[in-house]
């Protein structure tokens, strides 16, 4: 027999738990992707910056509501994305103006 006294108590088995165990909370992957896309928006141009802004807002919303982490990284992502849009919004008209002045278009 066993060394434990028989007090009529059955140990709970793990196969009859009422709820499945929960995994770890979601990470900051979307926030990091937002930051990377926004930084790439300075080099690649507007589409990457727009993607970084969108992902940053979604990641920030999830972090505020407890469904993810990386709220500060998400804010950095969409702020840098907006800065990239401003830079390209100033740069593209200057480039077009310089090309028109040089006679490339005509």
PDB file of N, CA and C in Angstrom:
ATOM      1  N   UNK A   1       0.823  -1.193   0.000  1.00  0.00           N
ATOM      2  CA  UNK A   1       0.000   0.000   0.000  1.00  0.00           C
ATOM      3  C   UNK A   1       0.860   1.247   0.000  1.00  0.00           C
ATOM      4  N   UNK A   2       0.200   2.375  -0.053  1.00  0.00           N
ATOM      5  CA  UNK A   2       0.943   3.617  -0.106  1.00  0.00           C
ATOM      6  C   UNK A   2       1.210   4.169   1.282  1.00  0.00           C
ATOM      7  N   UNK A   3       2.099   5.135   1.332  1.00  0.00           N
ATOM      8  CA  UNK A   3       2.464   5.759   2.598  1.00  0.00           C
ATOM      9  C   UNK A   3       1.425   6.779   3.051  1.00  0.00           C
ATOM     10  N   UNK A   4       0.532   7.207   2.136  1.00  0.00           N
ATOM     11  CA  UNK A   4      -0.448   8.229   2.481  1.00  0.00           C
ATOM     12  C   UNK A   4      -1.646   7.600   3.194  1.00  0.00           C
ATOM     13  N   UNK A   5      -2.192   8.309   4.179  1.00  0.00           N
ATOM     14  CA  UNK A   5      -3.370   7.771   4.863  1.00  0.00           C
ATOM     15  C   UNK A   5      -4.593   7.834   3.943  1.00  0.00           C
ATOM     16  N   UNK A   6      -5.492   6.882   4.083  1.00  0.00           N
ATOM     17  CA  UNK A   6      -6.703   6.839   3.269  1.00  0.00           C
ATOM     18  C   UNK A   6      -7.798   7.624   3.986  1.00  0.00           C
ATOM     19  N   UNK A   7      -7.938   8.907   3.593  1.00  0.00           N
ATOM     20  CA  UNK A   7      -8.950   9.741   4.242  1.00  0.00           C
ATOM     21  C   UNK A   7     -10.190   9.915   3.370  1.00  0.00           C
ATOM     22  N   UNK A   8     -10.288   9.172   2.273  1.00  0.00           N
ATOM     23  CA  UNK A   8     -11.455   9.230   1.410  1.00  0.00           C
ATOM     24  C   UNK A   8     -11.419  10.365   0.407  1.00  0.00           C
ATOM     25  N   UNK A   9     -10.332  11.081   0.370  1.00  0.00           N
ATOM     26  CA  UNK A   9     -10.217  12.213  -0.548  1.00  0.00           C
ATOM     27  C   UNK A   9      -9.534  11.754  -1.831  1.00  0.00           C
ATOM     28  N   UNK A  10     -10.163  12.061  -2.966  1.00  0.00           N
ATOM     29  CA  UNK A  10      -9.544  11.755  -4.250  1.00  0.00           C
ATOM     30  C   UNK A  10      -8.878  13.008  -4.782  1.00  0.00           C
ATOM     31  N   UNK A  11      -7.670  12.864  -5.226  1.00  0.00           N
ATOM     32  CA  UNK A  11      -6.960  13.998  -5.810  1.00  0.00           C
ATOM     33  C   UNK A  11      -7.587  14.334  -7.159  1.00  0.00           C
ATOM     34  N   UNK A  12      -7.712  15.625  -7.450  1.00  0.00           N
ATOM     35  CA  UNK A  12      -8.316  15.994  -8.740  1.00  0.00           C
ATOM     36  C   UNK A  12      -7.416  15.576  -9.898  1.00  0.00           C
ATOM     37  N   UNK A  13      -8.043  15.131 -10.960  1.00  0.00           N
ATOM     38  CA  UNK A  13      -7.244  14.767 -12.124  1.00  0.00           C
ATOM     39  C   UNK A  13      -7.234  15.952 -13.082  1.00  0.00           C
ATOM     40  N   UNK A  14      -6.200  16.046 -13.857  1.00  0.00           N
ATOM     41  CA  UNK A  14      -6.053  17.173 -14.771  1.00  0.00           C
ATOM     42  C   UNK A  14      -6.937  17.041 -16.001  1.00  0.00           C
ATOM     43  N   UNK A  15      -7.473  15.856 -16.260  1.00  0.00           N
ATOM     44  CA  UNK A  15      -8.299  15.684 -17.437  1.00  0.00           C
ATOM     45  C   UNK A  15      -9.719  16.197 -17.253  1.00  0.00           C
ATOM     46  N   UNK A  16     -10.078  16.626 -16.048  1.00  0.00           N
ATOM     47  CA  UNK A  16     -11.432  17.100 -15.789  1.00  0.00           C
ATOM     48  C   UNK A  16     -11.457  18.551 -15.338  1.00  0.00           C
ATOM     49  N   UNK A  17     -10.557  19.363 -15.875  1.00  0.00           N
ATOM     50  CA  UNK A  17     -10.556  20.776 -15.517  1.00  0.00           C
ATOM     51  C   UNK A  17     -11.727  21.467 -16.211  1.00  0.00           C
ATOM     52  N   UNK A  18     -12.360  22.428 -15.534  1.00  0.00           N
ATOM     53  CA  UNK A  18     -13.511  23.091 -16.143  1.00  0.00           C
ATOM     54  C   UNK A  18     -13.147  23.977 -17.330  1.00  0.00           C
ATOM     55  N   UNK A  19     -11.952  24.568 -17.356  1.00  0.00           N
ATOM     56  CA  UNK A  19     -11.533  25.443 -18.442  1.00  0.00           C
ATOM     57  C   UNK A  19     -10.145  25.031 -18.894  1.00  0.00           C
ATOM     58  N   UNK A  20      -9.873  25.131 -20.182  1.00  0.00           N
ATOM     59  CA  UNK A  20      -8.509  24.813 -20.627  1.00  0.00           C
ATOM     60  C   UNK A  20      -7.535  25.878 -20.144  1.00  0.00           C
ATOM     61  N   UNK A  21      -6.297  25.516 -19.919  1.00  0.00           N
ATOM     62  CA  UNK A  21      -5.328  26.526 -19.467  1.00  0.00           C
ATOM     63  C   UNK A  21      -5.116  27.584 -20.552  1.00  0.00           C
ATOM     64  N   UNK A  22      -4.967  28.819 -20.114  1.00  0.00           N
ATOM     65  CA  UNK A  22      -4.771  29.914 -21.056  1.00  0.00           C
ATOM     66  C   UNK A  22      -3.291  30.063 -21.382  1.00  0.00           C
ATOM     67  N   UNK A  23      -3.026  30.440 -22.596  1.00  0.00           N
ATOM     68  CA  UNK A  23      -1.661  30.662 -23.034  1.00  0.00           C
ATOM     69  C   UNK A  23      -1.183  32.036 -22.603  1.00  0.00           C
ATOM     70  N   UNK A  24       0.002  32.383 -22.992  1.00  0.00           N
ATOM     71  CA  UNK A  24       0.533  33.707 -22.642  1.00  0.00           C
ATOM     72  C   UNK A  24      -0.241  34.796 -23.375  1.00  0.00           C
ATOM     73  N   UNK A  25      -0.263  36.002 -22.835  1.00  0.00           N
ATOM     74  CA  UNK A  25      -0.959  37.089 -23.527  1.00  0.00           C
ATOM     75  C   UNK A  25      -0.261  37.419 -24.842  1.00  0.00           C
ATOM     76  N   UNK A  26      -1.006  37.995 -25.770  1.00  0.00           N
ATOM     77  CA  UNK A  26      -0.383  38.335 -27.055  1.00  0.00           C
ATOM     78  C   UNK A  26       0.787  39.288 -26.859  1.00  0.00           C
ATOM     79  N   UNK A  27       1.770  39.158 -27.686  1.00  0.00           N
ATOM     80  CA  UNK A  27       2.967  39.981 -27.576  1.00  0.00           C
ATOM     81  C   UNK A  27       2.843  41.294 -28.317  1.00  0.00           C
ATOM     82  N   UNK A  28       3.974  41.898 -28.559  1.00  0.00           N
ATOM     83  CA  UNK A  28       4.022  43.216 -29.182  1.00  0.00           C
ATOM     84  C   UNK A  28       4.400  43.118 -30.655  1.00  0.00           C
ATOM     85  N   UNK A  29       4.076  42.018 -31.306  1.00  0.00           N
ATOM     86  CA  UNK A  29       4.470  41.823 -32.699  1.00  0.00           C
ATOM     87  C   UNK A  29       3.911  42.869 -33.638  1.00  0.00           C
ATOM     88  N   UNK A  30       2.635  43.208 -33.474  1.00  0.00           N
ATOM     89  CA  UNK A  30       2.024  44.198 -34.351  1.00  0.00           C
ATOM     90  C   UNK A  30       2.632  45.582 -34.119  1.00  0.00           C
ATOM     91  N   UNK A  31       2.944  45.894 -32.876  1.00  0.00           N
ATOM     92  CA  UNK A  31       3.563  47.185 -32.560  1.00  0.00           C
ATOM     93  C   UNK A  31       4.963  47.273 -33.165  1.00  0.00           C
ATOM     94  N   UNK A  32       5.711  46.191 -33.096  1.00  0.00           N
ATOM     95  CA  UNK A  32       7.053  46.178 -33.674  1.00  0.00           C
ATOM     96  C   UNK A  32       6.978  46.281 -35.193  1.00  0.00           C
ATOM     97  N   UNK A  33       6.025  45.580 -35.791  1.00  0.00           N
ATOM     98  CA  UNK A  33       5.845  45.674 -37.246  1.00  0.00           C
ATOM     99  C   UNK A  33       5.479  47.098 -37.653  1.00  0.00           C
ATOM    100  N   UNK A  34       4.688  47.771 -36.831  1.00  0.00           N
ATOM    101  CA  UNK A  34       4.332  49.160 -37.100  1.00  0.00           C
ATOM    102  C   UNK A  34       5.570  50.048 -37.101  1.00  0.00           C
ATOM    103  N   UNK A  35       6.424  49.852 -36.125  1.00  0.00           N
ATOM    104  CA  UNK A  35       7.641  50.654 -36.035  1.00  0.00           C
ATOM    105  C   UNK A  35       8.567  50.404 -37.224  1.00  0.00           C
ATOM    106  N   UNK A  36       8.726  49.146 -37.593  1.00  0.00           N
ATOM    107  CA  UNK A  36       9.591  48.796 -38.718  1.00  0.00           C
ATOM    108  C   UNK A  36       9.046  49.388 -40.020  1.00  0.00           C
ATOM    109  N   UNK A  37       7.739  49.245 -40.245  1.00  0.00           N
ATOM    110  CA  UNK A  37       7.145  49.801 -41.478  1.00  0.00           C
ATOM    111  C   UNK A  37       7.250  51.319 -41.510  1.00  0.00           C
ATOM    112  N   UNK A  38       7.055  51.947 -40.377  1.00  0.00           N
ATOM    113  CA  UNK A  38       7.123  53.407 -40.353  1.00  0.00           C
ATOM    114  C   UNK A  38       8.534  53.909 -40.639  1.00  0.00           C
ATOM    115  N   UNK A  39       9.527  53.235 -40.084  1.00  0.00           N
ATOM    116  CA  UNK A  39      10.914  53.617 -40.369  1.00  0.00           C
ATOM    117  C   UNK A  39      11.221  53.359 -41.846  1.00  0.00           C
ATOM    118  N   UNK A  40      10.737  52.251 -42.367  1.00  0.00           N
ATOM    119  CA  UNK A  40      10.940  51.959 -43.790  1.00  0.00           C
ATOM    120  C   UNK A  40      10.201  52.964 -44.660  1.00  0.00           C
ATOM    121  N   UNK A  41       9.171  53.601 -44.131  1.00  0.00           N
ATOM    122  CA  UNK A  41       8.427  54.601 -44.882  1.00  0.00           C
ATOM    123  C   UNK A  41       9.264  55.792 -45.273  1.00  0.00           C
ATOM    124  N   UNK A  42      10.330  56.070 -44.541  1.00  0.00           N
ATOM    125  CA  UNK A  42      11.230  57.155 -44.931  1.00  0.00           C
ATOM    126  C   UNK A  42      12.019  56.793 -46.187  1.00  0.00           C
ATOM    127  N   UNK A  43      12.266  55.501 -46.397  1.00  0.00           N
ATOM    128  CA  UNK A  43      13.082  55.057 -47.521  1.00  0.00           C
ATOM    129  C   UNK A  43      12.213  54.594 -48.688  1.00  0.00           C
ATOM    130  N   UNK A  44      11.203  53.813 -48.406  1.00  0.00           N
ATOM    131  CA  UNK A  44      10.394  53.175 -49.439  1.00  0.00           C
ATOM    132  C   UNK A  44       9.301  54.098 -49.957  1.00  0.00           C
ATOM    133  N   UNK A  45       8.928  55.082 -49.228  1.00  0.00           N
ATOM    134  CA  UNK A  45       7.913  56.070 -49.599  1.00  0.00           C
ATOM    135  C   UNK A  45       6.604  55.813 -48.860  1.00  0.00           C
ATOM    136  N   UNK A  46       5.568  56.341 -49.362  1.00  0.00           N
ATOM    137  CA  UNK A  46       4.303  56.482 -48.651  1.00  0.00           C
ATOM    138  C   UNK A  46       3.610  55.164 -48.272  1.00  0.00           C
ATOM    139  N   UNK A  47       3.555  54.135 -49.117  1.00  0.00           N
ATOM    140  CA  UNK A  47       2.790  52.938 -48.732  1.00  0.00           C
ATOM    141  C   UNK A  47       3.266  52.281 -47.431  1.00  0.00           C
ATOM    142  N   UNK A  48       4.552  52.204 -47.209  1.00  0.00           N
ATOM    143  CA  UNK A  48       5.052  51.601 -45.975  1.00  0.00           C
ATOM    144  C   UNK A  48       4.692  52.459 -44.768  1.00  0.00           C
ATOM    145  N   UNK A  49       4.744  53.763 -44.919  1.00  0.00           N
ATOM    146  CA  UNK A  49       4.377  54.654 -43.817  1.00  0.00           C
ATOM    147  C   UNK A  49       2.894  54.511 -43.475  1.00  0.00           C
ATOM    148  N   UNK A  50       2.046  54.390 -44.489  1.00  0.00           N
ATOM    149  CA  UNK A  50       0.611  54.220 -44.247  1.00  0.00           C
ATOM    150  C   UNK A  50       0.343  52.893 -43.536  1.00  0.00           C
ATOM    151  N   UNK A  51       1.043  51.838 -43.948  1.00  0.00           N
ATOM    152  CA  UNK A  51       0.898  50.545 -43.273  1.00  0.00           C
ATOM    153  C   UNK A  51       1.353  50.641 -41.818  1.00  0.00           C
ATOM    154  N   UNK A  52       2.452  51.347 -41.565  1.00  0.00           N
ATOM    155  CA  UNK A  52       2.939  51.528 -40.198  1.00  0.00           C
ATOM    156  C   UNK A  52       1.954  52.301 -39.332  1.00  0.00           C
ATOM    157  N   UNK A  53       1.320  53.312 -39.916  1.00  0.00           N
ATOM    158  CA  UNK A  53       0.330  54.099 -39.177  1.00  0.00           C
ATOM    159  C   UNK A  53      -0.866  53.225 -38.808  1.00  0.00           C
ATOM    160  N   UNK A  54      -1.369  52.469 -39.777  1.00  0.00           N
ATOM    161  CA  UNK A  54      -2.536  51.622 -39.521  1.00  0.00           C
ATOM    162  C   UNK A  54      -2.236  50.566 -38.461  1.00  0.00           C
ATOM    163  N   UNK A  55      -1.104  49.882 -38.603  1.00  0.00           N
ATOM    164  CA  UNK A  55      -0.749  48.858 -37.617  1.00  0.00           C
ATOM    165  C   UNK A  55      -0.505  49.466 -36.249  1.00  0.00           C
ATOM    166  N   UNK A  56       0.084  50.650 -36.214  1.00  0.00           N
ATOM    167  CA  UNK A  56       0.336  51.313 -34.933  1.00  0.00           C
ATOM    168  C   UNK A  56      -0.942  51.648 -34.194  1.00  0.00           C
ATOM    169  N   UNK A  57      -1.936  52.140 -34.922  1.00  0.00           N
ATOM    170  CA  UNK A  57      -3.210  52.456 -34.273  1.00  0.00           C
ATOM    171  C   UNK A  57      -3.916  51.200 -33.760  1.00  0.00           C
ATOM    172  N   UNK A  58      -3.877  50.129 -34.548  1.00  0.00           N
ATOM    173  CA  UNK A  58      -4.506  48.872 -34.111  1.00  0.00           C
ATOM    174  C   UNK A  58      -3.777  48.310 -32.892  1.00  0.00           C
ATOM    175  N   UNK A  59      -2.454  48.310 -32.912  1.00  0.00           N
ATOM    176  CA  UNK A  59      -1.676  47.788 -31.776  1.00  0.00           C
ATOM    177  C   UNK A  59      -1.889  48.637 -30.526  1.00  0.00           C
ATOM    178  N   UNK A  60      -1.986  49.941 -30.703  1.00  0.00           N
ATOM    179  CA  UNK A  60      -2.221  50.816 -29.550  1.00  0.00           C
ATOM    180  C   UNK A  60      -3.609  50.563 -28.952  1.00  0.00           C
ATOM    181  N   UNK A  61      -4.607  50.380 -29.791  1.00  0.00           N
ATOM    182  CA  UNK A  61      -5.957  50.066 -29.319  1.00  0.00           C
ATOM    183  C   UNK A  61      -5.960  48.753 -28.532  1.00  0.00           C
ATOM    184  N   UNK A  62      -5.291  47.734 -29.080  1.00  0.00           N
ATOM    185  CA  UNK A  62      -5.235  46.437 -28.388  1.00  0.00           C
ATOM    186  C   UNK A  62      -4.512  46.553 -27.056  1.00  0.00           C
ATOM    187  N   UNK A  63      -3.437  47.310 -27.008  1.00  0.00           N
ATOM    188  CA  UNK A  63      -2.679  47.464 -25.760  1.00  0.00           C
ATOM    189  C   UNK A  63      -3.510  48.213 -24.715  1.00  0.00           C
ATOM    190  N   UNK A  64      -4.257  49.226 -25.141  1.00  0.00           N
ATOM    191  CA  UNK A  64      -5.088  49.982 -24.197  1.00  0.00           C
ATOM    192  C   UNK A  64      -6.198  49.127 -23.603  1.00  0.00           C
ATOM    193  N   UNK A  65      -6.673  48.148 -24.360  1.00  0.00           N
ATOM    194  CA  UNK A  65      -7.770  47.309 -23.886  1.00  0.00           C
ATOM    195  C   UNK A  65      -7.293  45.967 -23.329  1.00  0.00           C
ATOM    196  N   UNK A  66      -6.010  45.851 -23.071  1.00  0.00           N
ATOM    197  CA  UNK A  66      -5.464  44.657 -22.419  1.00  0.00           C
ATOM    198  C   UNK A  66      -5.370  43.438 -23.310  1.00  0.00           C
ATOM    199  N   UNK A  67      -5.443  43.601 -24.610  1.00  0.00           N
ATOM    200  CA  UNK A  67      -5.375  42.457 -25.514  1.00  0.00           C
ATOM    201  C   UNK A  67      -4.043  42.387 -26.236  1.00  0.00           C
ATOM    202  N   UNK A  68      -3.028  43.018 -25.683  1.00  0.00           N
ATOM    203  CA  UNK A  68      -1.704  42.989 -26.278  1.00  0.00           C
ATOM    204  C   UNK A  68      -0.762  43.867 -25.478  1.00  0.00           C
ATOM    205  N   UNK A  69       0.489  43.819 -25.838  1.00  0.00           N
ATOM    206  CA  UNK A  69       1.490  44.642 -25.170  1.00  0.00           C
ATOM    207  C   UNK A  69       2.143  45.539 -26.209  1.00  0.00           C
ATOM    208  N   UNK A  70       3.016  46.411 -25.773  1.00  0.00           N
ATOM    209  CA  UNK A  70       3.754  47.255 -26.696  1.00  0.00           C
ATOM    210  C   UNK A  70       3.049  48.544 -27.045  1.00  0.00           C
ATOM    211  N   UNK A  71       2.296  49.103 -26.113  1.00  0.00           N
ATOM    212  CA  UNK A  71       1.579  50.342 -26.387  1.00  0.00           C
ATOM    213  C   UNK A  71       2.495  51.492 -26.748  1.00  0.00           C
ATOM    214  N   UNK A  72       3.613  51.630 -26.056  1.00  0.00           N
ATOM    215  CA  UNK A  72       4.550  52.724 -26.336  1.00  0.00           C
ATOM    216  C   UNK A  72       5.232  52.529 -27.686  1.00  0.00           C
ATOM    217  N   UNK A  73       5.543  51.293 -28.038  1.00  0.00           N
ATOM    218  CA  UNK A  73       6.154  51.016 -29.335  1.00  0.00           C
ATOM    219  C   UNK A  73       5.149  51.320 -30.447  1.00  0.00           C
ATOM    220  N   UNK A  74       3.877  51.027 -30.201  1.00  0.00           N
ATOM    221  CA  UNK A  74       2.830  51.321 -31.185  1.00  0.00           C
ATOM    222  C   UNK A  74       2.702  52.821 -31.405  1.00  0.00           C
ATOM    223  N   UNK A  75       2.748  53.591 -30.319  1.00  0.00           N
ATOM    224  CA  UNK A  75       2.682  55.054 -30.454  1.00  0.00           C
ATOM    225  C   UNK A  75       3.884  55.555 -31.249  1.00  0.00           C
ATOM    226  N   UNK A  76       5.056  55.046 -30.942  1.00  0.00           N
ATOM    227  CA  UNK A  76       6.250  55.435 -31.702  1.00  0.00           C
ATOM    228  C   UNK A  76       6.086  55.075 -33.172  1.00  0.00           C
ATOM    229  N   UNK A  77       5.477  53.929 -33.442  1.00  0.00           N
ATOM    230  CA  UNK A  77       5.271  53.507 -34.830  1.00  0.00           C
ATOM    231  C   UNK A  77       4.380  54.452 -35.599  1.00  0.00           C
ATOM    232  N   UNK A  78       3.234  54.817 -35.028  1.00  0.00           N
ATOM    233  CA  UNK A  78       2.372  55.689 -35.822  1.00  0.00           C
ATOM    234  C   UNK A  78       2.846  57.131 -35.838  1.00  0.00           C
ATOM    235  N   UNK A  79       3.571  57.590 -34.822  1.00  0.00           N
ATOM    236  CA  UNK A  79       4.127  58.946 -34.859  1.00  0.00           C
ATOM    237  C   UNK A  79       5.211  59.042 -35.943  1.00  0.00           C
ATOM    238  N   UNK A  80       6.085  58.043 -36.013  1.00  0.00           N
ATOM    239  CA  UNK A  80       7.120  58.037 -37.040  1.00  0.00           C
ATOM    240  C   UNK A  80       6.487  57.903 -38.427  1.00  0.00           C
ATOM    241  N   UNK A  81       5.417  57.124 -38.527  1.00  0.00           N
ATOM    242  CA  UNK A  81       4.714  57.004 -39.803  1.00  0.00           C
ATOM    243  C   UNK A  81       4.138  58.330 -40.266  1.00  0.00           C
ATOM    244  N   UNK A  82       3.521  59.086 -39.333  1.00  0.00           N
ATOM    245  CA  UNK A  82       3.010  60.406 -39.697  1.00  0.00           C
ATOM    246  C   UNK A  82       4.155  61.351 -40.091  1.00  0.00           C
ATOM    247  N   UNK A  83       5.284  61.256 -39.391  1.00  0.00           N
ATOM    248  CA  UNK A  83       6.438  62.091 -39.738  1.00  0.00           C
ATOM    249  C   UNK A  83       6.949  61.750 -41.136  1.00  0.00           C
ATOM    250  N   UNK A  84       6.959  60.461 -41.482  1.00  0.00           N
ATOM    251  CA  UNK A  84       7.385  60.058 -42.819  1.00  0.00           C
ATOM    252  C   UNK A  84       6.436  60.619 -43.877  1.00  0.00           C
ATOM    253  N   UNK A  85       5.133  60.620 -43.589  1.00  0.00           N
ATOM    254  CA  UNK A  85       4.174  61.201 -44.539  1.00  0.00           C
ATOM    255  C   UNK A  85       4.425  62.688 -44.738  1.00  0.00           C
ATOM    256  N   UNK A  86       4.725  63.391 -43.650  1.00  0.00           N
ATOM    257  CA  UNK A  86       4.999  64.828 -43.758  1.00  0.00           C
ATOM    258  C   UNK A  86       6.255  65.059 -44.589  1.00  0.00           C
ATOM    259  N   UNK A  87       7.303  64.285 -44.328  1.00  0.00           N
ATOM    260  CA  UNK A  87       8.551  64.433 -45.078  1.00  0.00           C
ATOM    261  C   UNK A  87       8.311  64.182 -46.567  1.00  0.00           C
ATOM    262  N   UNK A  88       7.619  63.098 -46.900  1.00  0.00           N
ATOM    263  CA  UNK A  88       7.348  62.807 -48.309  1.00  0.00           C
ATOM    264  C   UNK A  88       6.381  63.815 -48.910  1.00  0.00           C
ATOM    265  N   UNK A  89       5.445  64.337 -48.101  1.00  0.00           N
ATOM    266  CA  UNK A  89       4.527  65.354 -48.594  1.00  0.00           C
ATOM    267  C   UNK A  89       5.221  66.653 -48.960  1.00  0.00           C
ATOM    268  N   UNK A  90       6.352  66.923 -48.346  1.00  0.00           N
ATOM    269  CA  UNK A  90       7.148  68.104 -48.686  1.00  0.00           C
ATOM    270  C   UNK A  90       8.143  67.781 -49.804  1.00  0.00           C
ATOM    271  N   UNK A  91       8.743  66.598 -49.761  1.00  0.00           N
ATOM    272  CA  UNK A  91       9.799  66.229 -50.696  1.00  0.00           C
ATOM    273  C   UNK A  91       9.283  65.997 -52.117  1.00  0.00           C
ATOM    274  N   UNK A  92       8.193  65.291 -52.260  1.00  0.00           N
ATOM    275  CA  UNK A  92       7.693  64.962 -53.599  1.00  0.00           C
ATOM    276  C   UNK A  92       7.350  66.216 -54.400  1.00  0.00           C
ATOM    277  N   UNK A  93       6.616  67.186 -53.847  1.00  0.00           N
ATOM    278  CA  UNK A  93       6.371  68.406 -54.643  1.00  0.00           C
ATOM    279  C   UNK A  93       7.655  69.157 -54.992  1.00  0.00           C
ATOM    280  N   UNK A  94       8.645  69.168 -54.108  1.00  0.00           N
ATOM    281  CA  UNK A  94       9.915  69.821 -54.419  1.00  0.00           C
ATOM    282  C   UNK A  94      10.637  69.127 -55.575  1.00  0.00           C
ATOM    283  N   UNK A  95      10.612  67.808 -55.584  1.00  0.00           N
ATOM    284  CA  UNK A  95      11.247  67.050 -56.667  1.00  0.00           C
ATOM    285  C   UNK A  95      10.519  67.306 -57.988  1.00  0.00           C
ATOM    286  N   UNK A  96       9.202  67.262 -57.943  1.00  0.00           N
ATOM    287  CA  UNK A  96       8.428  67.510 -59.167  1.00  0.00           C
ATOM    288  C   UNK A  96       8.682  68.922 -59.679  1.00  0.00           C
ATOM    289  N   UNK A  97       8.722  69.902 -58.792  1.00  0.00           N
ATOM    290  CA  UNK A  97       8.990  71.283 -59.180  1.00  0.00           C
ATOM    291  C   UNK A  97      10.379  71.413 -59.825  1.00  0.00           C
ATOM    292  N   UNK A  98      11.368  70.769 -59.248  1.00  0.00           N
ATOM    293  CA  UNK A  98      12.728  70.826 -59.801  1.00  0.00           C
ATOM    294  C   UNK A  98      12.780  70.159 -61.171  1.00  0.00           C
ATOM    295  N   UNK A  99      12.043  69.055 -61.353  1.00  0.00           N
ATOM    296  CA  UNK A  99      12.023  68.389 -62.647  1.00  0.00           C
ATOM    297  C   UNK A  99      11.322  69.247 -63.703  1.00  0.00           C
ATOM    298  N   UNK A 100      10.260  69.932 -63.322  1.00  0.00           N
ATOM    299  CA  UNK A 100       9.568  70.808 -64.267  1.00  0.00           C
ATOM    300  C   UNK A 100      10.463  71.969 -64.659  1.00  0.00           C
ATOM    301  N   UNK A 101      11.174  72.534 -63.698  1.00  0.00           N
ATOM    302  CA  UNK A 101      12.075  73.657 -63.974  1.00  0.00           C
ATOM    303  C   UNK A 101      13.237  73.252 -64.884  1.00  0.00           C
ATOM    304  N   UNK A 102      13.665  71.994 -64.755  1.00  0.00           N
ATOM    305  CA  UNK A 102      14.799  71.544 -65.575  1.00  0.00           C
ATOM    306  C   UNK A 102      14.373  71.146 -66.980  1.00  0.00           C
ATOM    307  N   UNK A 103      13.090  71.080 -67.252  1.00  0.00           N
ATOM    308  CA  UNK A 103      12.597  70.775 -68.581  1.00  0.00           C
ATOM    309  C   UNK A 103      12.432  69.293 -68.864  1.00  0.00           C
ATOM    310  N   UNK A 104      12.436  68.452 -67.874  1.00  0.00           N
ATOM    311  CA  UNK A 104      12.295  67.016 -68.073  1.00  0.00           C
ATOM    312  C   UNK A 104      10.915  66.674 -68.646  1.00  0.00           C
ATOM    313  N   UNK A 105       9.885  67.409 -68.218  1.00  0.00           N
ATOM    314  CA  UNK A 105       8.532  67.079 -68.653  1.00  0.00           C
ATOM    315  C   UNK A 105       8.119  67.824 -69.919  1.00  0.00           C
ATOM    316  N   UNK A 106       9.007  68.552 -70.502  1.00  0.00           N
ATOM    317  CA  UNK A 106       8.533  69.109 -71.605  1.00  0.00           C
ATOM    318  C   UNK A 106       8.792  70.006 -72.594  1.00  0.00           C
TER     319      UNK A 106
END
